[in-house]
Amino acid sequence: VQLQASGGGLVQAGGSLRLSCVVSGRPFGYYAIGWFRQTPGKEREFVAAVRWTGGTTKYADSVKGRCTISRDVWKNTVYLQMNSVRPDDTAIYYCGAGRDYNEGYDYWGQGTLVTVSS
């Protein structure tokens, strides 16, 4: 399986950004595609995930109400729409394939940097 993340960049606080993750192949037993983020010196943290079948979603409290995760099964792409971004959203964002919403992530894309200026 390969995951290709894109869409990061520099955005002002309060602005919006959409990240994309193109998924090539899904191994058996991995039912979710998720977005995580990481800043220097901190562990990678869960942001949001979507189950490929059914499209149900889960969000971290820190982004609930500001971010929307969705998937386009025809394009094999998962999106993370980020609205009302804040400086503390600044991080490298990774998409991954997991066994469920927030567990069993064994496959990762290369990451895309999001920088929010105040």
PDB file of N, CA and C in Angstrom:
ATOM      1  N   VAL A   1       0.837  -1.174   0.000  1.00  0.00           N
ATOM      2  CA  VAL A   1       0.000   0.000   0.000  1.00  0.00           C
ATOM      3  C   VAL A   1       0.887   1.243   0.000  1.00  0.00           C
ATOM      4  N   GLN A   2       0.461   2.263  -0.726  1.00  0.00           N
ATOM      5  CA  GLN A   2       1.171   3.537  -0.744  1.00  0.00           C
ATOM      6  C   GLN A   2       0.194   4.655  -0.462  1.00  0.00           C
ATOM      7  N   LEU A   3       0.651   5.631   0.311  1.00  0.00           N
ATOM      8  CA  LEU A   3      -0.170   6.788   0.612  1.00  0.00           C
ATOM      9  C   LEU A   3       0.629   8.037   0.246  1.00  0.00           C
ATOM     10  N   GLN A   4      -0.006   8.921  -0.467  1.00  0.00           N
ATOM     11  CA  GLN A   4       0.650  10.137  -0.941  1.00  0.00           C
ATOM     12  C   GLN A   4      -0.130  11.338  -0.426  1.00  0.00           C
ATOM     13  N   ALA A   5       0.472  12.054   0.523  1.00  0.00           N
ATOM     14  CA  ALA A   5      -0.181  13.221   1.111  1.00  0.00           C
ATOM     15  C   ALA A   5       0.253  14.490   0.388  1.00  0.00           C
ATOM     16  N   SER A   6      -0.661  15.423   0.290  1.00  0.00           N
ATOM     17  CA  SER A   6      -0.358  16.717  -0.324  1.00  0.00           C
ATOM     18  C   SER A   6      -1.339  17.762   0.183  1.00  0.00           C
ATOM     19  N   GLY A   7      -1.058  19.015  -0.171  1.00  0.00           N
ATOM     20  CA  GLY A   7      -1.977  20.085   0.164  1.00  0.00           C
ATOM     21  C   GLY A   7      -1.520  21.011   1.270  1.00  0.00           C
ATOM     22  N   GLY A   8      -0.413  20.696   1.910  1.00  0.00           N
ATOM     23  CA  GLY A   8       0.084  21.562   2.962  1.00  0.00           C
ATOM     24  C   GLY A   8       0.597  22.877   2.417  1.00  0.00           C
ATOM     25  N   GLY A   9       0.853  23.795   3.319  1.00  0.00           N
ATOM     26  CA  GLY A   9       1.352  25.098   2.913  1.00  0.00           C
ATOM     27  C   GLY A   9       1.251  26.089   4.036  1.00  0.00           C
ATOM     28  N   LEU A  10       1.424  27.351   3.686  1.00  0.00           N
ATOM     29  CA  LEU A  10       1.350  28.438   4.651  1.00  0.00           C
ATOM     30  C   LEU A  10      -0.030  29.075   4.570  1.00  0.00           C
ATOM     31  N   VAL A  11      -0.676  29.218   5.699  1.00  0.00           N
ATOM     32  CA  VAL A  11      -2.014  29.803   5.743  1.00  0.00           C
ATOM     33  C   VAL A  11      -2.105  30.696   6.972  1.00  0.00           C
ATOM     34  N   GLN A  12      -2.863  31.756   6.860  1.00  0.00           N
ATOM     35  CA  GLN A  12      -3.054  32.653   7.993  1.00  0.00           C
ATOM     36  C   GLN A  12      -4.074  32.074   8.965  1.00  0.00           C
ATOM     37  N   ALA A  13      -3.914  32.419  10.208  1.00  0.00           N
ATOM     38  CA  ALA A  13      -4.875  31.995  11.224  1.00  0.00           C
ATOM     39  C   ALA A  13      -6.274  32.418  10.814  1.00  0.00           C
ATOM     40  N   GLY A  14      -7.216  31.504  10.981  1.00  0.00           N
ATOM     41  CA  GLY A  14      -8.583  31.756  10.576  1.00  0.00           C
ATOM     42  C   GLY A  14      -8.901  31.307   9.168  1.00  0.00           C
ATOM     43  N   GLY A  15      -7.880  30.963   8.423  1.00  0.00           N
ATOM     44  CA  GLY A  15      -8.060  30.531   7.044  1.00  0.00           C
ATOM     45  C   GLY A  15      -8.381  29.056   6.931  1.00  0.00           C
ATOM     46  N   SER A  16      -8.359  28.574   5.683  1.00  0.00           N
ATOM     47  CA  SER A  16      -8.717  27.180   5.405  1.00  0.00           C
ATOM     48  C   SER A  16      -7.668  26.518   4.528  1.00  0.00           C
ATOM     49  N   LEU A  17      -7.668  25.204   4.617  1.00  0.00           N
ATOM     50  CA  LEU A  17      -6.710  24.411   3.851  1.00  0.00           C
ATOM     51  C   LEU A  17      -7.321  23.038   3.658  1.00  0.00           C
ATOM     52  N   ARG A  18      -7.057  22.412   2.512  1.00  0.00           N
ATOM     53  CA  ARG A  18      -7.524  21.041   2.305  1.00  0.00           C
ATOM     54  C   ARG A  18      -6.345  20.133   1.995  1.00  0.00           C
ATOM     55  N   LEU A  19      -6.197  19.124   2.801  1.00  0.00           N
ATOM     56  CA  LEU A  19      -5.158  18.126   2.576  1.00  0.00           C
ATOM     57  C   LEU A  19      -5.754  16.939   1.828  1.00  0.00           C
ATOM     58  N   SER A  20      -4.941  16.315   1.004  1.00  0.00           N
ATOM     59  CA  SER A  20      -5.379  15.152   0.241  1.00  0.00           C
ATOM     60  C   SER A  20      -4.430  13.981   0.490  1.00  0.00           C
ATOM     61  N   CYS A  21      -4.985  12.793   0.473  1.00  0.00           N
ATOM     62  CA  CYS A  21      -4.183  11.578   0.631  1.00  0.00           C
ATOM     63  C   CYS A  21      -4.659  10.562  -0.402  1.00  0.00           C
ATOM     64  N   VAL A  22      -3.835  10.305  -1.382  1.00  0.00           N
ATOM     65  CA  VAL A  22      -4.163   9.313  -2.400  1.00  0.00           C
ATOM     66  C   VAL A  22      -3.671   7.961  -1.906  1.00  0.00           C
ATOM     67  N   VAL A  23      -4.573   6.998  -1.896  1.00  0.00           N
ATOM     68  CA  VAL A  23      -4.274   5.668  -1.362  1.00  0.00           C
ATOM     69  C   VAL A  23      -4.202   4.667  -2.506  1.00  0.00           C
ATOM     70  N   SER A  24      -3.092   3.993  -2.613  1.00  0.00           N
ATOM     71  CA  SER A  24      -2.918   2.965  -3.632  1.00  0.00           C
ATOM     72  C   SER A  24      -2.850   1.613  -2.948  1.00  0.00           C
ATOM     73  N   GLY A  25      -3.937   0.859  -3.067  1.00  0.00           N
ATOM     74  CA  GLY A  25      -3.981  -0.453  -2.442  1.00  0.00           C
ATOM     75  C   GLY A  25      -4.312  -0.362  -0.968  1.00  0.00           C
ATOM     76  N   ARG A  26      -5.114  -1.278  -0.489  1.00  0.00           N
ATOM     77  CA  ARG A  26      -5.425  -1.336   0.947  1.00  0.00           C
ATOM     78  C   ARG A  26      -5.254  -2.769   1.421  1.00  0.00           C
ATOM     79  N   PRO A  27      -4.353  -2.980   2.363  1.00  0.00           N
ATOM     80  CA  PRO A  27      -4.127  -4.350   2.816  1.00  0.00           C
ATOM     81  C   PRO A  27      -5.325  -4.879   3.581  1.00  0.00           C
ATOM     82  N   PHE A  28      -5.490  -6.178   3.517  1.00  0.00           N
ATOM     83  CA  PHE A  28      -6.598  -6.807   4.210  1.00  0.00           C
ATOM     84  C   PHE A  28      -6.503  -6.520   5.706  1.00  0.00           C
ATOM     85  N   GLY A  29      -7.645  -6.146   6.297  1.00  0.00           N
ATOM     86  CA  GLY A  29      -7.679  -5.904   7.733  1.00  0.00           C
ATOM     87  C   GLY A  29      -7.437  -4.467   8.147  1.00  0.00           C
ATOM     88  N   TYR A  30      -7.172  -3.591   7.181  1.00  0.00           N
ATOM     89  CA  TYR A  30      -6.978  -2.176   7.486  1.00  0.00           C
ATOM     90  C   TYR A  30      -8.192  -1.423   6.971  1.00  0.00           C
ATOM     91  N   TYR A  31      -8.998  -0.935   7.891  1.00  0.00           N
ATOM     92  CA  TYR A  31     -10.302  -0.430   7.528  1.00  0.00           C
ATOM     93  C   TYR A  31     -10.431   1.089   7.558  1.00  0.00           C
ATOM     94  N   ALA A  32      -9.409   1.746   8.074  1.00  0.00           N
ATOM     95  CA  ALA A  32      -9.512   3.194   8.236  1.00  0.00           C
ATOM     96  C   ALA A  32      -8.323   3.904   7.605  1.00  0.00           C
ATOM     97  N   ILE A  33      -8.600   5.090   7.142  1.00  0.00           N
ATOM     98  CA  ILE A  33      -7.543   6.008   6.716  1.00  0.00           C
ATOM     99  C   ILE A  33      -7.619   7.212   7.639  1.00  0.00           C
ATOM    100  N   GLY A  34      -6.491   7.553   8.219  1.00  0.00           N
ATOM    101  CA  GLY A  34      -6.502   8.634   9.191  1.00  0.00           C
ATOM    102  C   GLY A  34      -5.452   9.679   8.925  1.00  0.00           C
ATOM    103  N   TRP A  35      -5.680  10.822   9.528  1.00  0.00           N
ATOM    104  CA  TRP A  35      -4.700  11.909   9.527  1.00  0.00           C
ATOM    105  C   TRP A  35      -4.154  12.071  10.944  1.00  0.00           C
ATOM    106  N   PHE A  36      -2.857  12.181  11.017  1.00  0.00           N
ATOM    107  CA  PHE A  36      -2.153  12.444  12.261  1.00  0.00           C
ATOM    108  C   PHE A  36      -1.252  13.649  12.031  1.00  0.00           C
ATOM    109  N   ARG A  37      -0.787  14.241  13.112  1.00  0.00           N
ATOM    110  CA  ARG A  37       0.139  15.368  12.955  1.00  0.00           C
ATOM    111  C   ARG A  37       1.229  15.284  14.007  1.00  0.00           C
ATOM    112  N   GLN A  38       2.340  15.903  13.671  1.00  0.00           N
ATOM    113  CA  GLN A  38       3.491  15.829  14.566  1.00  0.00           C
ATOM    114  C   GLN A  38       4.286  17.116  14.494  1.00  0.00           C
ATOM    115  N   THR A  39       4.701  17.589  15.666  1.00  0.00           N
ATOM    116  CA  THR A  39       5.588  18.736  15.769  1.00  0.00           C
ATOM    117  C   THR A  39       6.893  18.274  16.419  1.00  0.00           C
ATOM    118  N   PRO A  40       7.971  19.038  16.232  1.00  0.00           N
ATOM    119  CA  PRO A  40       9.271  18.605  16.770  1.00  0.00           C
ATOM    120  C   PRO A  40       9.217  18.348  18.273  1.00  0.00           C
ATOM    121  N   GLY A  41       9.739  17.221  18.671  1.00  0.00           N
ATOM    122  CA  GLY A  41       9.814  16.884  20.079  1.00  0.00           C
ATOM    123  C   GLY A  41       8.547  16.290  20.669  1.00  0.00           C
ATOM    124  N   LYS A  42       7.521  16.144  19.838  1.00  0.00           N
ATOM    125  CA  LYS A  42       6.259  15.589  20.336  1.00  0.00           C
ATOM    126  C   LYS A  42       5.909  14.321  19.573  1.00  0.00           C
ATOM    127  N   GLU A  43       5.089  13.506  20.195  1.00  0.00           N
ATOM    128  CA  GLU A  43       4.634  12.296  19.530  1.00  0.00           C
ATOM    129  C   GLU A  43       3.592  12.638  18.473  1.00  0.00           C
ATOM    130  N   ARG A  44       3.488  11.761  17.516  1.00  0.00           N
ATOM    131  CA  ARG A  44       2.466  11.918  16.495  1.00  0.00           C
ATOM    132  C   ARG A  44       1.100  11.779  17.147  1.00  0.00           C
ATOM    133  N   GLU A  45       0.206  12.708  16.846  1.00  0.00           N
ATOM    134  CA  GLU A  45      -1.107  12.684  17.482  1.00  0.00           C
ATOM    135  C   GLU A  45      -2.212  12.518  16.451  1.00  0.00           C
ATOM    136  N   PHE A  46      -3.234  11.844  16.879  1.00  0.00           N
ATOM    137  CA  PHE A  46      -4.397  11.582  16.035  1.00  0.00           C
ATOM    138  C   PHE A  46      -5.167  12.875  15.769  1.00  0.00           C
ATOM    139  N   VAL A  47      -5.595  13.040  14.514  1.00  0.00           N
ATOM    140  CA  VAL A  47      -6.409  14.198  14.144  1.00  0.00           C
ATOM    141  C   VAL A  47      -7.819  13.754  13.754  1.00  0.00           C
ATOM    142  N   ALA A  48      -7.909  12.862  12.786  1.00  0.00           N
ATOM    143  CA  ALA A  48      -9.207  12.413  12.301  1.00  0.00           C
ATOM    144  C   ALA A  48      -9.019  11.145  11.483  1.00  0.00           C
ATOM    145  N   ALA A  49     -10.087  10.360  11.371  1.00  0.00           N
ATOM    146  CA  ALA A  49     -10.027   9.143  10.574  1.00  0.00           C
ATOM    147  C   ALA A  49     -11.395   8.846   9.992  1.00  0.00           C
ATOM    148  N   VAL A  50     -11.372   8.117   8.898  1.00  0.00           N
ATOM    149  CA  VAL A  50     -12.604   7.709   8.231  1.00  0.00           C
ATOM    150  C   VAL A  50     -12.492   6.232   7.890  1.00  0.00           C
ATOM    151  N   ARG A  51     -13.576   5.521   8.098  1.00  0.00           N
ATOM    152  CA  ARG A  51     -13.602   4.124   7.669  1.00  0.00           C
ATOM    153  C   ARG A  51     -13.891   4.089   6.179  1.00  0.00           C
ATOM    154  N   TRP A  52     -13.081   3.332   5.444  1.00  0.00           N
ATOM    155  CA  TRP A  52     -13.223   3.319   3.998  1.00  0.00           C
ATOM    156  C   TRP A  52     -14.603   2.835   3.587  1.00  0.00           C
ATOM    157  N   THR A  53     -15.089   1.790   4.252  1.00  0.00           N
ATOM    158  CA  THR A  53     -16.427   1.280   3.968  1.00  0.00           C
ATOM    159  C   THR A  53     -17.410   1.938   4.923  1.00  0.00           C
ATOM    160  N   GLY A  54     -18.353   2.651   4.378  1.00  0.00           N
ATOM    161  CA  GLY A  54     -19.358   3.306   5.212  1.00  0.00           C
ATOM    162  C   GLY A  54     -19.097   4.776   5.434  1.00  0.00           C
ATOM    163  N   GLY A  55     -17.825   5.149   5.495  1.00  0.00           N
ATOM    164  CA  GLY A  55     -17.510   6.567   5.615  1.00  0.00           C
ATOM    165  C   GLY A  55     -17.691   7.175   6.981  1.00  0.00           C
ATOM    166  N   THR A  56     -17.859   6.353   8.016  1.00  0.00           N
ATOM    167  CA  THR A  56     -18.004   6.936   9.351  1.00  0.00           C
ATOM    168  C   THR A  56     -16.682   7.532   9.799  1.00  0.00           C
ATOM    169  N   THR A  57     -16.783   8.524  10.653  1.00  0.00           N
ATOM    170  CA  THR A  57     -15.613   9.327  10.991  1.00  0.00           C
ATOM    171  C   THR A  57     -15.409   9.459  12.495  1.00  0.00           C
ATOM    172  N   LYS A  58     -14.217   9.861  12.850  1.00  0.00           N
ATOM    173  CA  LYS A  58     -13.875  10.147  14.237  1.00  0.00           C
ATOM    174  C   LYS A  58     -12.872  11.284  14.237  1.00  0.00           C
ATOM    175  N   TYR A  59     -12.982  12.172  15.244  1.00  0.00           N
ATOM    176  CA  TYR A  59     -12.135  13.355  15.319  1.00  0.00           C
ATOM    177  C   TYR A  59     -11.514  13.497  16.695  1.00  0.00           C
ATOM    178  N   ALA A  60     -10.340  14.094  16.713  1.00  0.00           N
ATOM    179  CA  ALA A  60      -9.766  14.513  17.979  1.00  0.00           C
ATOM    180  C   ALA A  60     -10.540  15.733  18.476  1.00  0.00           C
ATOM    181  N   ASP A  61     -10.621  15.878  19.788  1.00  0.00           N
ATOM    182  CA  ASP A  61     -11.362  17.009  20.346  1.00  0.00           C
ATOM    183  C   ASP A  61     -10.796  18.345  19.876  1.00  0.00           C
ATOM    184  N   SER A  62      -9.486  18.379  19.633  1.00  0.00           N
ATOM    185  CA  SER A  62      -8.835  19.632  19.281  1.00  0.00           C
ATOM    186  C   SER A  62      -9.249  20.162  17.911  1.00  0.00           C
ATOM    187  N   VAL A  63      -9.792  19.304  17.061  1.00  0.00           N
ATOM    188  CA  VAL A  63     -10.170  19.748  15.717  1.00  0.00           C
ATOM    189  C   VAL A  63     -11.653  19.593  15.457  1.00  0.00           C
ATOM    190  N   LYS A  64     -12.372  19.016  16.389  1.00  0.00           N
ATOM    191  CA  LYS A  64     -13.799  18.785  16.189  1.00  0.00           C
ATOM    192  C   LYS A  64     -14.510  20.108  15.943  1.00  0.00           C
ATOM    193  N   GLY A  65     -15.316  20.139  14.894  1.00  0.00           N
ATOM    194  CA  GLY A  65     -16.025  21.369  14.548  1.00  0.00           C
ATOM    195  C   GLY A  65     -15.256  22.269  13.602  1.00  0.00           C
ATOM    196  N   ARG A  66     -13.962  22.021  13.453  1.00  0.00           N
ATOM    197  CA  ARG A  66     -13.142  22.839  12.547  1.00  0.00           C
ATOM    198  C   ARG A  66     -12.643  22.047  11.348  1.00  0.00           C
ATOM    199  N   CYS A  67     -12.557  20.753  11.483  1.00  0.00           N
ATOM    200  CA  CYS A  67     -12.025  19.914  10.416  1.00  0.00           C
ATOM    201  C   CYS A  67     -13.063  18.883   9.991  1.00  0.00           C
ATOM    202  N   THR A  68     -13.007  18.538   8.722  1.00  0.00           N
ATOM    203  CA  THR A  68     -13.888  17.506   8.185  1.00  0.00           C
ATOM    204  C   THR A  68     -13.065  16.537   7.353  1.00  0.00           C
ATOM    205  N   ILE A  69     -13.184  15.263   7.683  1.00  0.00           N
ATOM    206  CA  ILE A  69     -12.509  14.242   6.903  1.00  0.00           C
ATOM    207  C   ILE A  69     -13.533  13.562   6.006  1.00  0.00           C
ATOM    208  N   SER A  70     -13.138  13.282   4.782  1.00  0.00           N
ATOM    209  CA  SER A  70     -14.042  12.634   3.836  1.00  0.00           C
ATOM    210  C   SER A  70     -13.224  11.764   2.895  1.00  0.00           C
ATOM    211  N   ARG A  71     -13.936  10.879   2.182  1.00  0.00           N
ATOM    212  CA  ARG A  71     -13.223  10.066   1.224  1.00  0.00           C
ATOM    213  C   ARG A  71     -13.987   9.993  -0.081  1.00  0.00           C
ATOM    214  N   ASP A  72     -13.239   9.891  -1.161  1.00  0.00           N
ATOM    215  CA  ASP A  72     -13.795   9.713  -2.494  1.00  0.00           C
ATOM    216  C   ASP A  72     -13.331   8.335  -2.957  1.00  0.00           C
ATOM    217  N   VAL A  73     -14.251   7.377  -2.925  1.00  0.00           N
ATOM    218  CA  VAL A  73     -13.846   5.996  -3.203  1.00  0.00           C
ATOM    219  C   VAL A  73     -13.439   5.814  -4.662  1.00  0.00           C
ATOM    220  N   TRP A  74     -13.980   6.645  -5.539  1.00  0.00           N
ATOM    221  CA  TRP A  74     -13.634   6.513  -6.951  1.00  0.00           C
ATOM    222  C   TRP A  74     -12.241   7.038  -7.238  1.00  0.00           C
ATOM    223  N   LYS A  75     -11.825   8.026  -6.474  1.00  0.00           N
ATOM    224  CA  LYS A  75     -10.489   8.595  -6.656  1.00  0.00           C
ATOM    225  C   LYS A  75      -9.481   8.013  -5.670  1.00  0.00           C
ATOM    226  N   ASN A  76      -9.946   7.091  -4.809  1.00  0.00           N
ATOM    227  CA  ASN A  76      -9.068   6.511  -3.776  1.00  0.00           C
ATOM    228  C   ASN A  76      -8.350   7.599  -2.991  1.00  0.00           C
ATOM    229  N   THR A  77      -9.087   8.604  -2.635  1.00  0.00           N
ATOM    230  CA  THR A  77      -8.503   9.770  -1.972  1.00  0.00           C
ATOM    231  C   THR A  77      -9.276  10.118  -0.708  1.00  0.00           C
ATOM    232  N   VAL A  78      -8.537  10.447   0.320  1.00  0.00           N
ATOM    233  CA  VAL A  78      -9.116  10.926   1.575  1.00  0.00           C
ATOM    234  C   VAL A  78      -8.709  12.379   1.745  1.00  0.00           C
ATOM    235  N   TYR A  79      -9.664  13.200   2.147  1.00  0.00           N
ATOM    236  CA  TYR A  79      -9.426  14.630   2.305  1.00  0.00           C
ATOM    237  C   TYR A  79      -9.557  15.042   3.769  1.00  0.00           C
ATOM    238  N   LEU A  80      -8.811  16.046   4.134  1.00  0.00           N
ATOM    239  CA  LEU A  80      -8.983  16.685   5.438  1.00  0.00           C
ATOM    240  C   LEU A  80      -9.170  18.167   5.177  1.00  0.00           C
ATOM    241  N   GLN A  81     -10.394  18.622   5.324  1.00  0.00           N
ATOM    242  CA  GLN A  81     -10.703  20.042   5.183  1.00  0.00           C
ATOM    243  C   GLN A  81     -10.490  20.708   6.531  1.00  0.00           C
ATOM    244  N   MET A  82      -9.601  21.666   6.559  1.00  0.00           N
ATOM    245  CA  MET A  82      -9.280  22.359   7.797  1.00  0.00           C
ATOM    246  C   MET A  82      -9.782  23.796   7.693  1.00  0.00           C
ATOM    247  N   ASN A  83     -10.655  24.184   8.591  1.00  0.00           N
ATOM    248  CA  ASN A  83     -11.192  25.542   8.625  1.00  0.00           C
ATOM    249  C   ASN A  83     -10.828  26.205   9.951  1.00  0.00           C
ATOM    250  N   SER A  84     -10.896  27.513   9.963  1.00  0.00           N
ATOM    251  CA  SER A  84     -10.590  28.277  11.176  1.00  0.00           C
ATOM    252  C   SER A  84      -9.286  27.792  11.805  1.00  0.00           C
ATOM    253  N   VAL A  85      -8.262  27.663  10.976  1.00  0.00           N
ATOM    254  CA  VAL A  85      -6.999  27.120  11.481  1.00  0.00           C
ATOM    255  C   VAL A  85      -6.379  28.071  12.499  1.00  0.00           C
ATOM    256  N   ARG A  86      -5.584  27.468  13.386  1.00  0.00           N
ATOM    257  CA  ARG A  86      -4.944  28.209  14.465  1.00  0.00           C
ATOM    258  C   ARG A  86      -3.443  27.952  14.410  1.00  0.00           C
ATOM    259  N   PRO A  87      -2.651  28.819  15.019  1.00  0.00           N
ATOM    260  CA  PRO A  87      -1.192  28.566  15.022  1.00  0.00           C
ATOM    261  C   PRO A  87      -0.817  27.208  15.592  1.00  0.00           C
ATOM    262  N   ASP A  88      -1.582  26.716  16.549  1.00  0.00           N
ATOM    263  CA  ASP A  88      -1.230  25.406  17.118  1.00  0.00           C
ATOM    264  C   ASP A  88      -1.628  24.240  16.220  1.00  0.00           C
ATOM    265  N   ASP A  89      -2.182  24.522  15.058  1.00  0.00           N
ATOM    266  CA  ASP A  89      -2.390  23.486  14.047  1.00  0.00           C
ATOM    267  C   ASP A  89      -1.134  23.270  13.216  1.00  0.00           C
ATOM    268  N   THR A  90      -0.145  24.119  13.398  1.00  0.00           N
ATOM    269  CA  THR A  90       1.106  23.979  12.659  1.00  0.00           C
ATOM    270  C   THR A  90       1.772  22.653  12.993  1.00  0.00           C
ATOM    271  N   ALA A  91       2.048  21.878  11.949  1.00  0.00           N
ATOM    272  CA  ALA A  91       2.633  20.543  12.147  1.00  0.00           C
ATOM    273  C   ALA A  91       2.870  19.906  10.790  1.00  0.00           C
ATOM    274  N   ILE A  92       3.565  18.795  10.814  1.00  0.00           N
ATOM    275  CA  ILE A  92       3.608  17.931   9.633  1.00  0.00           C
ATOM    276  C   ILE A  92       2.437  16.968   9.762  1.00  0.00           C
ATOM    277  N   TYR A  93       1.640  16.916   8.722  1.00  0.00           N
ATOM    278  CA  TYR A  93       0.458  16.064   8.717  1.00  0.00           C
ATOM    279  C   TYR A  93       0.740  14.813   7.895  1.00  0.00           C
ATOM    280  N   TYR A  94       0.425  13.675   8.506  1.00  0.00           N
ATOM    281  CA  TYR A  94       0.645  12.385   7.868  1.00  0.00           C
ATOM    282  C   TYR A  94      -0.699  11.674   7.691  1.00  0.00           C
ATOM    283  N   CYS A  95      -0.859  11.013   6.567  1.00  0.00           N
ATOM    284  CA  CYS A  95      -1.993  10.115   6.441  1.00  0.00           C
ATOM    285  C   CYS A  95      -1.483   8.687   6.558  1.00  0.00           C
ATOM    286  N   GLY A  96      -2.333   7.844   7.108  1.00  0.00           N
ATOM    287  CA  GLY A  96      -1.944   6.466   7.319  1.00  0.00           C
ATOM    288  C   GLY A  96      -3.127   5.536   7.172  1.00  0.00           C
ATOM    289  N   ALA A  97      -2.813   4.259   7.025  1.00  0.00           N
ATOM    290  CA  ALA A  97      -3.826   3.209   6.945  1.00  0.00           C
ATOM    291  C   ALA A  97      -3.795   2.438   8.253  1.00  0.00           C
ATOM    292  N   GLY A  98      -4.969   2.353   8.887  1.00  0.00           N
ATOM    293  CA  GLY A  98      -5.036   1.707  10.176  1.00  0.00           C
ATOM    294  C   GLY A  98      -6.106   0.640  10.258  1.00  0.00           C
ATOM    295  N   ARG A  99      -6.017  -0.184  11.280  1.00  0.00           N
ATOM    296  CA  ARG A  99      -6.991  -1.260  11.442  1.00  0.00           C
ATOM    297  C   ARG A  99      -8.341  -0.709  11.917  1.00  0.00           C
ATOM    298  N   ASP A 100      -8.296   0.390  12.623  1.00  0.00           N
ATOM    299  CA  ASP A 100      -9.511   1.086  13.023  1.00  0.00           C
ATOM    300  C   ASP A 100      -9.171   2.552  13.193  1.00  0.00           C
ATOM    301  N   TYR A 101     -10.147   3.337  13.656  1.00  0.00           N
ATOM    302  CA  TYR A 101      -9.996   4.791  13.684  1.00  0.00           C
ATOM    303  C   TYR A 101      -8.647   5.249  14.228  1.00  0.00           C
ATOM    304  N   ASN A 102      -8.285   4.743  15.370  1.00  0.00           N
ATOM    305  CA  ASN A 102      -7.104   5.278  16.041  1.00  0.00           C
ATOM    306  C   ASN A 102      -6.184   4.166  16.518  1.00  0.00           C
ATOM    307  N   GLU A 103      -6.111   3.085  15.771  1.00  0.00           N
ATOM    308  CA  GLU A 103      -5.255   1.986  16.179  1.00  0.00           C
ATOM    309  C   GLU A 103      -4.743   1.190  14.977  1.00  0.00           C
ATOM    310  N   GLY A 104      -3.618   0.596  15.183  1.00  0.00           N
ATOM    311  CA  GLY A 104      -3.083  -0.306  14.162  1.00  0.00           C
ATOM    312  C   GLY A 104      -2.608   0.385  12.907  1.00  0.00           C
ATOM    313  N   TYR A 105      -2.005   1.538  13.031  1.00  0.00           N
ATOM    314  CA  TYR A 105      -1.516   2.247  11.851  1.00  0.00           C
ATOM    315  C   TYR A 105      -0.106   1.757  11.525  1.00  0.00           C
ATOM    316  N   ASP A 106      -0.011   1.009  10.466  1.00  0.00           N
ATOM    317  CA  ASP A 106       1.263   0.424  10.058  1.00  0.00           C
ATOM    318  C   ASP A 106       1.782   0.969   8.746  1.00  0.00           C
ATOM    319  N   TYR A 107       0.950   1.736   8.065  1.00  0.00           N
ATOM    320  CA  TYR A 107       1.341   2.269   6.768  1.00  0.00           C
ATOM    321  C   TYR A 107       1.169   3.781   6.791  1.00  0.00           C
ATOM    322  N   TRP A 108       2.187   4.490   6.312  1.00  0.00           N
ATOM    323  CA  TRP A 108       2.179   5.952   6.383  1.00  0.00           C
ATOM    324  C   TRP A 108       2.621   6.567   5.059  1.00  0.00           C
ATOM    325  N   GLY A 109       2.056   7.749   4.799  1.00  0.00           N
ATOM    326  CA  GLY A 109       2.551   8.561   3.708  1.00  0.00           C
ATOM    327  C   GLY A 109       3.729   9.390   4.176  1.00  0.00           C
ATOM    328  N   GLN A 110       4.214  10.250   3.294  1.00  0.00           N
ATOM    329  CA  GLN A 110       5.448  10.966   3.578  1.00  0.00           C
ATOM    330  C   GLN A 110       5.249  12.236   4.383  1.00  0.00           C
ATOM    331  N   GLY A 111       4.038  12.702   4.572  1.00  0.00           N
ATOM    332  CA  GLY A 111       3.793  13.908   5.353  1.00  0.00           C
ATOM    333  C   GLY A 111       3.755  15.161   4.515  1.00  0.00           C
ATOM    334  N   THR A 112       2.960  16.113   4.964  1.00  0.00           N
ATOM    335  CA  THR A 112       2.877  17.411   4.314  1.00  0.00           C
ATOM    336  C   THR A 112       2.829  18.479   5.403  1.00  0.00           C
ATOM    337  N   LEU A 113       3.617  19.535   5.219  1.00  0.00           N
ATOM    338  CA  LEU A 113       3.780  20.545   6.260  1.00  0.00           C
ATOM    339  C   LEU A 113       2.691  21.602   6.168  1.00  0.00           C
ATOM    340  N   VAL A 114       2.050  21.838   7.289  1.00  0.00           N
ATOM    341  CA  VAL A 114       1.072  22.922   7.414  1.00  0.00           C
ATOM    342  C   VAL A 114       1.630  23.938   8.391  1.00  0.00           C
ATOM    343  N   THR A 115       1.715  25.181   7.954  1.00  0.00           N
ATOM    344  CA  THR A 115       2.201  26.258   8.809  1.00  0.00           C
ATOM    345  C   THR A 115       1.131  27.321   8.886  1.00  0.00           C
ATOM    346  N   VAL A 116       0.707  27.622  10.105  1.00  0.00           N
ATOM    347  CA  VAL A 116      -0.331  28.631  10.311  1.00  0.00           C
ATOM    348  C   VAL A 116       0.316  29.849  10.952  1.00  0.00           C
ATOM    349  N   SER A 117       0.219  30.977  10.279  1.00  0.00           N
ATOM    350  CA  SER A 117       0.802  32.208  10.800  1.00  0.00           C
ATOM    351  C   SER A 117      -0.256  33.000  11.570  1.00  0.00           C
ATOM    352  N   SER A 118       0.205  33.672  12.604  1.00  0.00           N
ATOM    353  CA  SER A 118      -0.734  34.435  13.436  1.00  0.00           C
ATOM    354  C   SER A 118      -0.849  35.868  12.959  1.00  0.00           C
TER     355      SER A 118
END
